[in-house]
N, C-alpha and C. Protein backbone atom coordinates (compact mmCIF):
# COMPACT_ATOMS: atom_id res chain seq x y z
N ALA A 1 -14.10 23.95 -10.45
CA ALA A 1 -14.41 22.96 -11.47
C ALA A 1 -13.98 23.46 -12.85
N SER A 2 -14.27 24.71 -13.12
CA SER A 2 -13.90 25.23 -14.44
C SER A 2 -12.39 25.42 -14.55
N TYR A 3 -11.73 25.80 -13.46
CA TYR A 3 -10.28 25.99 -13.48
C TYR A 3 -9.57 24.70 -13.82
N LEU A 4 -10.04 23.60 -13.26
CA LEU A 4 -9.42 22.29 -13.50
C LEU A 4 -10.06 21.55 -14.67
N ASN A 5 -11.09 22.16 -15.25
CA ASN A 5 -11.79 21.57 -16.39
C ASN A 5 -12.34 20.18 -16.03
N ASP A 6 -12.93 20.09 -14.83
CA ASP A 6 -13.48 18.82 -14.37
C ASP A 6 -14.76 19.09 -13.58
N GLU A 7 -15.87 18.78 -14.17
CA GLU A 7 -17.17 19.06 -13.57
C GLU A 7 -17.46 18.20 -12.34
N ARG A 8 -16.71 17.13 -12.14
CA ARG A 8 -16.93 16.27 -10.97
C ARG A 8 -16.74 17.03 -9.66
N PHE A 9 -15.93 18.06 -9.68
CA PHE A 9 -15.71 18.84 -8.47
C PHE A 9 -16.97 19.56 -8.00
N LEU A 10 -17.93 19.73 -8.88
CA LEU A 10 -19.17 20.41 -8.51
C LEU A 10 -20.00 19.60 -7.53
N ILE A 11 -19.82 18.29 -7.50
CA ILE A 11 -20.62 17.45 -6.60
C ILE A 11 -19.96 17.25 -5.23
N LEU A 12 -18.78 17.82 -5.03
CA LEU A 12 -18.08 17.63 -3.76
C LEU A 12 -18.88 18.10 -2.54
N PRO A 13 -19.54 19.25 -2.58
CA PRO A 13 -20.33 19.64 -1.41
C PRO A 13 -21.43 18.62 -1.07
N GLU A 14 -22.10 18.10 -2.08
CA GLU A 14 -23.14 17.09 -1.84
C GLU A 14 -22.51 15.79 -1.33
N ALA A 15 -21.39 15.40 -1.89
CA ALA A 15 -20.71 14.19 -1.45
C ALA A 15 -20.28 14.31 0.01
N LEU A 16 -19.80 15.48 0.40
CA LEU A 16 -19.40 15.70 1.79
C LEU A 16 -20.60 15.58 2.72
N GLU A 17 -21.71 16.18 2.34
CA GLU A 17 -22.92 16.12 3.17
C GLU A 17 -23.40 14.69 3.34
N ILE A 18 -23.43 13.93 2.25
CA ILE A 18 -23.87 12.53 2.31
C ILE A 18 -22.92 11.71 3.17
N SER A 19 -21.62 11.93 2.99
CA SER A 19 -20.62 11.20 3.77
C SER A 19 -20.77 11.50 5.26
N TYR A 20 -20.94 12.76 5.59
CA TYR A 20 -21.09 13.14 7.00
C TYR A 20 -22.36 12.54 7.59
N HIS A 21 -23.42 12.52 6.81
CA HIS A 21 -24.69 11.96 7.27
C HIS A 21 -24.56 10.47 7.58
N ASN A 22 -23.73 9.76 6.84
CA ASN A 22 -23.56 8.31 6.99
C ASN A 22 -22.37 7.93 7.86
N LEU A 23 -21.69 8.90 8.41
CA LEU A 23 -20.45 8.63 9.13
C LEU A 23 -20.64 7.68 10.31
N GLU A 24 -21.66 7.89 11.12
CA GLU A 24 -21.88 7.03 12.29
C GLU A 24 -22.10 5.58 11.87
N ARG A 25 -22.88 5.35 10.83
CA ARG A 25 -23.14 3.99 10.34
C ARG A 25 -21.86 3.36 9.81
N VAL A 26 -21.08 4.12 9.06
CA VAL A 26 -19.85 3.59 8.48
C VAL A 26 -18.84 3.23 9.57
N ILE A 27 -18.74 4.07 10.59
CA ILE A 27 -17.84 3.77 11.70
C ILE A 27 -18.29 2.50 12.41
N SER A 28 -19.58 2.35 12.63
CA SER A 28 -20.12 1.15 13.26
C SER A 28 -19.81 -0.09 12.43
N GLU A 29 -20.00 0.00 11.13
CA GLU A 29 -19.69 -1.14 10.25
C GLU A 29 -18.20 -1.46 10.27
N TYR A 30 -17.37 -0.43 10.33
CA TYR A 30 -15.92 -0.64 10.39
C TYR A 30 -15.55 -1.38 11.68
N LYS A 31 -16.12 -0.93 12.80
CA LYS A 31 -15.82 -1.58 14.08
C LYS A 31 -16.28 -3.03 14.08
N ASN A 32 -17.45 -3.30 13.52
CA ASN A 32 -17.94 -4.68 13.43
C ASN A 32 -17.02 -5.53 12.57
N THR A 33 -16.56 -4.96 11.47
CA THR A 33 -15.64 -5.68 10.58
C THR A 33 -14.33 -5.98 11.29
N MET A 34 -13.80 -5.00 12.01
CA MET A 34 -12.54 -5.22 12.73
C MET A 34 -12.71 -6.26 13.83
N ARG A 35 -13.84 -6.24 14.53
CA ARG A 35 -14.10 -7.23 15.58
C ARG A 35 -14.16 -8.63 14.97
N ALA A 36 -14.87 -8.76 13.86
CA ALA A 36 -14.98 -10.07 13.20
C ALA A 36 -13.62 -10.53 12.69
N TRP A 37 -12.84 -9.60 12.14
CA TRP A 37 -11.51 -9.94 11.64
C TRP A 37 -10.62 -10.44 12.78
N ASN A 38 -10.64 -9.72 13.90
CA ASN A 38 -9.82 -10.13 15.05
C ASN A 38 -10.25 -11.49 15.58
N ASP A 39 -11.55 -11.75 15.62
CA ASP A 39 -12.05 -13.06 16.04
C ASP A 39 -11.57 -14.15 15.08
N PHE A 40 -11.60 -13.86 13.80
CA PHE A 40 -11.14 -14.81 12.79
C PHE A 40 -9.65 -15.12 12.99
N ILE A 41 -8.85 -14.09 13.19
CA ILE A 41 -7.41 -14.29 13.38
C ILE A 41 -7.15 -15.13 14.63
N LYS A 42 -7.86 -14.86 15.72
CA LYS A 42 -7.69 -15.65 16.95
C LYS A 42 -8.02 -17.11 16.71
N LYS A 43 -9.11 -17.37 15.99
CA LYS A 43 -9.49 -18.76 15.69
C LYS A 43 -8.46 -19.42 14.78
N LEU A 44 -7.97 -18.68 13.82
CA LEU A 44 -6.96 -19.20 12.90
C LEU A 44 -5.70 -19.57 13.67
N GLU A 45 -5.28 -18.71 14.58
CA GLU A 45 -4.09 -19.00 15.39
C GLU A 45 -4.32 -20.20 16.29
N LYS A 46 -5.54 -20.32 16.82
CA LYS A 46 -5.88 -21.45 17.69
C LYS A 46 -5.80 -22.77 16.92
N TRP A 47 -6.17 -22.74 15.65
CA TRP A 47 -6.15 -23.94 14.81
C TRP A 47 -4.75 -24.21 14.26
N GLY A 48 -3.82 -23.34 14.55
CA GLY A 48 -2.44 -23.54 14.10
C GLY A 48 -2.17 -23.02 12.71
N GLY A 49 -2.99 -22.07 12.25
CA GLY A 49 -2.83 -21.55 10.89
C GLY A 49 -1.86 -20.47 10.74
């Protein structure tokens, strides 16, 4: 942080821990979003869009 003169780098270990803790939930949300998107595209194609 001091080498790059940017204190934001000091929070990286905490950010990594929080991200890892939430990884399973985020992956689940991503999969749900992709499923909904694919369903939307199929319906759109069915309607001739």
